[in-house]
Protein backbone atom coordinates (compact mmCIF):
# COMPACT_ATOMS: atom_id res chain seq x y z
CA UNK A 1 116.02 159.37 -33.02
CA UNK A 2 116.31 162.23 -35.51
CA UNK A 3 115.61 164.68 -32.67
CA UNK A 4 118.34 163.08 -30.55
CA UNK A 5 120.83 163.35 -33.43
CA UNK A 6 119.99 167.03 -34.02
CA UNK A 7 120.18 167.89 -30.30
CA UNK A 8 123.51 166.11 -29.86
CA UNK A 9 124.89 167.37 -33.16
CA UNK A 10 125.81 163.88 -34.36
CA UNK A 11 124.73 161.49 -37.10
CA UNK A 12 121.88 159.00 -36.83
CA UNK A 13 124.44 156.19 -37.03
CA UNK A 14 126.25 157.56 -33.98
CA UNK A 15 122.98 157.71 -32.02
CA UNK A 16 122.18 154.14 -33.03
CA UNK A 17 125.59 152.91 -31.89
CA UNK A 18 125.27 154.60 -28.49
CA UNK A 19 121.69 153.41 -27.93
CA UNK A 20 122.69 149.84 -28.84
CA UNK A 21 125.68 149.88 -26.51
CA UNK A 22 128.34 149.54 -29.20
CA UNK A 23 131.84 150.42 -27.93
CA UNK A 24 133.01 152.19 -31.12
CA UNK A 25 131.86 155.71 -30.15
CA UNK A 26 134.28 158.13 -28.46
CA UNK A 27 133.41 159.00 -24.83
CA UNK A 28 132.64 162.66 -25.55
CA UNK A 29 130.23 161.85 -28.39
CA UNK A 30 128.59 159.09 -26.34
CA UNK A 31 128.11 161.55 -23.46
CA UNK A 32 126.46 164.08 -25.79
CA UNK A 33 124.09 161.45 -27.15
CA UNK A 34 123.15 160.21 -23.67
CA UNK A 35 122.50 163.79 -22.52
CA UNK A 36 120.23 164.34 -25.53
CA UNK A 37 118.43 161.05 -24.89
CA UNK A 38 117.83 162.11 -21.27
CA UNK A 39 116.65 165.62 -22.11
CA UNK A 40 114.24 164.39 -24.79
CA UNK A 41 113.13 161.35 -22.74
CA UNK A 42 113.82 159.22 -25.81
CA UNK A 43 112.86 155.53 -25.58
CA UNK A 44 114.03 153.23 -28.40
CA UNK A 45 111.54 150.83 -29.97
CA UNK A 46 113.05 147.47 -29.10
CA UNK A 47 111.27 145.52 -31.83
CA UNK A 48 112.32 147.91 -34.56
CA UNK A 49 115.82 148.09 -33.13
CA UNK A 50 116.16 144.33 -33.30
CA UNK A 51 114.97 144.24 -36.90
CA UNK A 52 117.64 146.78 -37.87
CA UNK A 53 120.47 144.99 -36.06
CA UNK A 54 122.46 142.53 -38.16
CA UNK A 55 122.78 140.06 -35.28
CA UNK A 56 119.00 140.11 -34.54
CA UNK A 57 119.66 140.32 -30.80
CA UNK A 58 117.35 142.02 -28.32
CA UNK A 59 120.11 142.63 -25.74
CA UNK A 60 118.01 140.94 -23.07
CA UNK A 61 118.43 137.65 -21.21
CA UNK A 62 115.97 135.78 -19.02
CA UNK A 63 116.85 134.58 -15.51
CA UNK A 64 114.61 132.09 -13.68
CA UNK A 65 115.57 131.37 -10.06
CA UNK A 66 113.93 129.59 -7.16
CA UNK A 67 112.99 132.76 -5.27
CA UNK A 68 114.69 136.09 -5.94
CA UNK A 69 113.72 137.23 -2.42
CA UNK A 70 115.99 134.70 -0.68
CA UNK A 71 119.65 135.58 -0.09
CA UNK A 72 121.11 132.83 -2.29
CA UNK A 73 118.98 133.67 -5.32
CA UNK A 74 119.43 137.38 -4.69
CA UNK A 75 123.22 137.11 -4.75
CA UNK A 76 123.04 134.95 -7.89
CA UNK A 77 120.81 137.47 -9.60
CA UNK A 78 122.96 140.47 -8.73
CA UNK A 79 126.11 138.83 -10.12
CA UNK A 80 124.31 137.91 -13.36
CA UNK A 81 122.88 141.42 -13.63
CA UNK A 82 126.31 143.00 -13.13
CA UNK A 83 127.82 140.87 -15.90
CA UNK A 84 124.90 141.71 -18.21
CA UNK A 85 125.04 145.44 -17.44
CA UNK A 86 128.73 145.53 -18.35
CA UNK A 87 127.72 144.25 -21.80
CA UNK A 88 124.78 146.61 -22.27
CA UNK A 89 122.28 143.77 -21.74
CA UNK A 90 119.09 143.93 -19.68
CA UNK A 91 117.84 141.11 -17.43
CA UNK A 92 114.25 139.84 -17.20
CA UNK A 93 113.75 137.86 -13.99
CA UNK A 94 111.21 135.47 -12.51
CA UNK A 95 110.84 133.21 -9.46
CA UNK A 96 109.70 129.62 -10.07
CA UNK A 97 109.54 128.30 -6.49
CA UNK A 98 108.74 124.58 -6.44
CA UNK A 99 106.28 124.84 -9.32
CA UNK A 100 107.41 123.05 -12.48
CA UNK A 101 104.40 124.45 -14.34
CA UNK A 102 105.51 127.97 -13.47
CA UNK A 103 109.03 127.13 -14.63
CA UNK A 104 107.73 126.10 -18.06
CA UNK A 105 105.34 129.04 -18.29
CA UNK A 106 107.99 131.65 -17.52
CA UNK A 107 110.62 130.02 -19.72
CA UNK A 108 108.21 130.09 -22.64
CA UNK A 109 107.21 133.70 -21.87
CA UNK A 110 110.85 134.78 -22.01
CA UNK A 111 111.31 132.82 -25.21
CA UNK A 112 108.32 134.63 -26.76
CA UNK A 113 109.95 137.91 -25.80
CA UNK A 114 112.95 136.80 -27.85
CA UNK A 115 115.51 136.98 -25.07
CA UNK A 116 119.00 136.22 -26.35
CA UNK A 117 119.52 133.48 -23.75
CA UNK A 118 118.21 131.98 -20.53
CA UNK A 119 119.75 131.18 -17.15
CA UNK A 120 117.61 128.71 -15.22
CA UNK A 121 117.66 127.14 -11.75
CA UNK A 122 115.48 124.11 -12.59
CA UNK A 123 112.75 123.02 -10.21
CA UNK A 124 110.79 120.56 -12.37
CA UNK A 125 111.72 116.92 -12.87
CA UNK A 126 112.13 117.26 -16.65
CA UNK A 127 113.57 120.11 -18.72
CA UNK A 128 113.01 118.30 -22.02
CA UNK A 129 110.58 121.04 -23.09
CA UNK A 130 113.63 123.24 -23.72
CA UNK A 131 114.54 121.14 -26.75
CA UNK A 132 112.03 123.28 -28.67
CA UNK A 133 113.96 126.45 -27.79
CA UNK A 134 116.20 126.22 -30.84
CA UNK A 135 118.57 129.12 -31.17
CA UNK A 136 118.20 130.21 -27.54
CA UNK A 137 121.23 129.28 -25.41
CA UNK A 138 120.42 127.99 -21.92
CA UNK A 139 122.68 127.73 -18.87
CA UNK A 140 121.58 125.97 -15.68
CA UNK A 141 122.57 127.10 -12.19
CA UNK A 142 122.43 125.49 -8.72
CA UNK A 143 120.83 122.26 -9.96
CA UNK A 144 121.53 119.95 -12.86
CA UNK A 145 118.76 119.57 -15.46
CA UNK A 146 116.96 116.38 -16.47
CA UNK A 147 116.05 115.50 -20.06
CA UNK A 148 118.11 118.32 -21.55
CA UNK A 149 121.85 118.92 -21.91
CA UNK A 150 123.39 122.37 -21.56
CA UNK A 151 126.09 124.18 -19.61
CA UNK A 152 125.53 123.76 -15.88
CA UNK A 153 127.13 125.69 -13.00
CA UNK A 154 126.75 124.11 -9.58
CA UNK A 155 128.50 123.88 -6.21
CA UNK A 156 130.66 120.94 -5.14
CA UNK A 157 127.75 119.46 -3.21
CA UNK A 158 129.15 115.98 -2.59
CA UNK A 159 132.56 117.20 -1.46
CA UNK A 160 131.07 119.99 0.64
CA UNK A 161 128.67 117.68 2.47
CA UNK A 162 131.36 115.05 3.01
CA UNK A 163 133.68 117.69 4.43
CA UNK A 164 130.97 118.88 6.83
CA UNK A 165 130.35 115.39 8.19
CA UNK A 166 134.05 114.60 8.46
CA UNK A 167 134.39 117.80 10.46
CA UNK A 168 131.83 116.46 12.94
CA UNK A 169 133.51 113.05 13.04
CA UNK A 170 136.79 114.80 13.75
CA UNK A 171 135.20 116.33 16.85
CA UNK A 172 134.22 112.93 18.18
CA UNK A 173 130.70 112.46 16.81
CA UNK A 174 129.41 109.08 15.62
CA UNK A 175 125.60 109.52 15.75
CA UNK A 176 125.23 112.24 13.13
CA UNK A 177 121.73 112.85 11.84
CA UNK A 178 120.93 113.99 8.30
CA UNK A 179 118.00 116.34 7.66
CA UNK A 180 117.33 116.77 3.96
CA UNK A 181 115.06 118.02 1.22
CA UNK A 182 113.08 115.95 -1.29
CA UNK A 183 115.33 113.14 -2.60
CA UNK A 184 114.44 113.75 -6.26
CA UNK A 185 116.17 117.16 -6.18
CA UNK A 186 119.71 116.75 -7.62
CA UNK A 187 121.38 118.90 -4.95
CA UNK A 188 119.62 116.95 -2.17
CA UNK A 189 120.80 113.65 -3.65
CA UNK A 190 124.36 114.90 -3.95
CA UNK A 191 124.51 116.23 -0.40
CA UNK A 192 123.10 112.98 0.96
CA UNK A 193 125.71 111.09 -1.04
CA UNK A 194 128.44 113.19 0.55
CA UNK A 195 126.97 112.47 3.99
CA UNK A 196 127.05 108.71 3.32
CA UNK A 197 130.52 108.92 1.82
CA UNK A 198 131.93 110.53 4.96
CA UNK A 199 130.34 107.92 7.23
CA UNK A 200 131.40 104.92 5.15
CA UNK A 201 127.75 104.14 4.36
CA UNK A 202 127.00 103.72 8.08
CA UNK A 203 124.59 106.60 8.55
CA UNK A 204 122.99 107.89 11.67
CA UNK A 205 119.30 108.85 11.73
CA UNK A 206 118.11 110.15 8.34
CA UNK A 207 115.07 112.29 7.59
CA UNK A 208 114.26 113.15 3.96
CA UNK A 209 111.50 115.19 2.33
CA UNK A 210 111.54 118.05 4.83
CA UNK A 211 109.68 121.03 3.39
CA UNK A 212 109.71 124.26 5.35
CA UNK A 213 111.03 125.53 8.67
CA UNK A 214 108.15 124.12 10.74
CA UNK A 215 108.66 120.61 9.34
CA UNK A 216 112.39 120.86 10.05
CA UNK A 217 111.69 121.94 13.64
CA UNK A 218 109.32 119.00 14.18
CA UNK A 219 111.75 116.50 12.66
CA UNK A 220 114.60 117.77 14.85
CA UNK A 221 112.54 117.57 18.04
CA UNK A 222 111.52 114.00 17.17
CA UNK A 223 115.16 113.01 16.64
CA UNK A 224 116.37 114.58 19.88
CA UNK A 225 113.63 112.91 21.92
CA UNK A 226 114.70 109.44 20.82
CA UNK A 227 116.15 107.01 23.33
CA UNK A 228 119.49 107.28 21.46
CA UNK A 229 119.43 110.85 20.11
CA UNK A 230 122.06 112.07 17.67
CA UNK A 231 124.90 114.10 19.12
CA UNK A 232 125.25 116.13 15.91
CA UNK A 233 123.11 117.33 13.00
CA UNK A 234 123.93 117.94 9.36
CA UNK A 235 121.26 120.11 7.74
CA UNK A 236 121.22 120.15 3.95
CA UNK A 237 120.02 123.71 3.27
CA UNK A 238 119.29 126.96 5.04
CA UNK A 239 115.51 126.60 5.50
CA UNK A 240 116.02 123.25 7.25
CA UNK A 241 118.83 124.78 9.29
CA UNK A 242 116.58 127.52 10.66
CA UNK A 243 113.97 124.98 11.73
CA UNK A 244 116.63 122.82 13.37
CA UNK A 245 118.05 125.82 15.25
CA UNK A 246 114.61 126.67 16.61
CA UNK A 247 114.21 123.10 17.84
CA UNK A 248 117.62 123.11 19.52
CA UNK A 249 116.81 126.33 21.35
CA UNK A 250 113.32 125.18 22.27
CA UNK A 251 114.82 122.07 23.90
CA UNK A 252 117.78 123.95 25.38
CA UNK A 253 120.20 121.77 23.39
CA UNK A 254 121.92 124.38 21.20
CA UNK A 255 125.09 124.24 23.32
CA UNK A 256 125.22 120.45 23.62
CA UNK A 257 124.26 119.20 20.14
CA UNK A 258 126.66 120.03 17.30
CA UNK A 259 125.39 121.30 13.96
CA UNK A 260 126.93 121.95 10.55
CA UNK A 261 124.69 123.52 7.93
CA UNK A 262 124.96 123.45 4.15
CA UNK A 263 124.53 127.07 3.00
CA UNK A 264 125.40 130.20 4.88
CA UNK A 265 122.59 132.57 5.85
CA UNK A 266 122.28 136.11 7.25
CA UNK A 267 123.24 136.51 10.93
CA UNK A 268 124.55 132.93 11.21
CA UNK A 269 127.76 134.35 12.63
CA UNK A 270 125.91 136.37 15.30
CA UNK A 271 124.02 133.50 16.96
CA UNK A 272 125.27 131.85 20.15
CA UNK A 273 126.92 129.60 19.32
CA UNK A 274 127.55 130.90 15.82
CA UNK A 275 126.62 128.43 13.10
CA UNK A 276 129.31 126.43 11.32
CA UNK A 277 128.43 126.24 7.63
CA UNK A 278 129.44 124.85 4.28
CA UNK A 279 129.25 128.11 2.37
CA UNK A 280 128.34 128.21 -1.27
CA UNK A 281 129.42 131.19 -3.35
CA UNK A 282 126.31 132.33 -5.24
CA UNK A 283 127.95 135.49 -6.59
CA UNK A 284 130.71 133.40 -8.15
CA UNK A 285 128.17 130.91 -9.51
CA UNK A 286 126.15 133.74 -11.05
CA UNK A 287 129.20 135.34 -12.62
CA UNK A 288 130.41 132.06 -14.11
CA UNK A 289 126.92 131.24 -15.41
CA UNK A 290 126.58 134.65 -17.06
CA UNK A 291 130.01 134.33 -18.67
CA UNK A 292 129.08 130.88 -20.01
CA UNK A 293 125.79 132.19 -21.41
CA UNK A 294 127.40 135.14 -23.17
CA UNK A 295 130.00 132.79 -24.67
CA UNK A 296 127.13 130.76 -26.12
CA UNK A 297 125.33 133.87 -27.36
CA UNK A 298 128.56 134.97 -29.06
CA UNK A 299 128.77 131.70 -30.97
CA UNK A 300 130.65 129.14 -28.85
CA UNK A 301 129.23 125.74 -29.86
CA UNK A 302 131.34 123.25 -27.89
CA UNK A 303 129.80 120.33 -25.97
CA UNK A 304 127.81 121.08 -22.79
CA UNK A 305 130.03 121.84 -19.80
CA UNK A 306 129.57 121.10 -16.10
CA UNK A 307 131.33 123.76 -14.05
CA UNK A 308 131.76 123.13 -10.31
CA UNK A 309 132.30 126.03 -7.91
CA UNK A 310 134.04 124.91 -4.71
CA UNK A 311 132.34 125.34 -1.33
CA UNK A 312 134.08 126.54 1.84
CA UNK A 313 133.72 125.14 5.36
CA UNK A 314 133.49 128.02 7.86
CA UNK A 315 133.95 126.88 11.48
CA UNK A 316 132.13 129.20 13.89
CA UNK A 317 131.26 127.17 16.95
CA UNK A 318 128.14 125.06 16.45
CA UNK A 319 130.05 122.38 14.55
CA UNK A 320 132.84 122.21 17.11
CA UNK A 321 130.73 121.13 20.09
CA UNK A 322 132.02 117.80 21.43
CA UNK A 323 129.60 114.90 22.11
CA UNK A 324 130.48 114.83 25.79
CA UNK A 325 131.11 111.72 27.88
């Protein structure tokens, strides 16, 4: 750091402020320091930096999502990263999939690395282990936690699902099938509740516990080969939707059976017919979650909040197919 200060012609304190992202340095001095850092390939020692800082922060947060390679998680991550970058904070990221052991392992690893906070999309059935994470703020996204209370940012799953099914009812459908994920998942329960709410607790065919595109394709084919097949499908997330679409095309029924999907997905608007969806807004969810986490890191100690981000029904064609005579 002494070399950086000499090269930039500034004090050690000025270098420290620029390196730590403090906004009190004039733009011209900050530019000189950054140029010196680049030319000398200077890398600050994070542990020592934290020890010197009065607030003891590492300027890192941990983010654990279902799968950062899928579009929903990717959009969530990018929004969180943008909010963190604007504050001079770095993001450590991991994918937990459906593995509650991996969720615990990664959460503890980030804790050991002294991240200033954690944003978590829970996959396990119990987040009580986080009660030992004293002093580390946690914000949940996409799914509500179990066994632990903290700020939670989720979509309006019940209202979104109910709106989707009412849309199908409004186009004349009465035999509307539900294809859903594992019932213990909070979002799956909420979307099924919305489905029942819209039908007045008089459901059509229901298939739970669908895991993967192939299982969704098989379940859809079975439903459509019944003596009284559904005239419309409500699929509760994008993986199930893709399997259902393959089944509809395989049977040549994609223009005669209506479908509304929960979750938008890439190219949904380019299919024929284009897919009507209940769109979540992962970028908005990520931004709100990051803002909530940084509020906690900065000292806000109010009661845990549940923040709902509204969904949007996008009519594109597949949900507007009539049931016929």
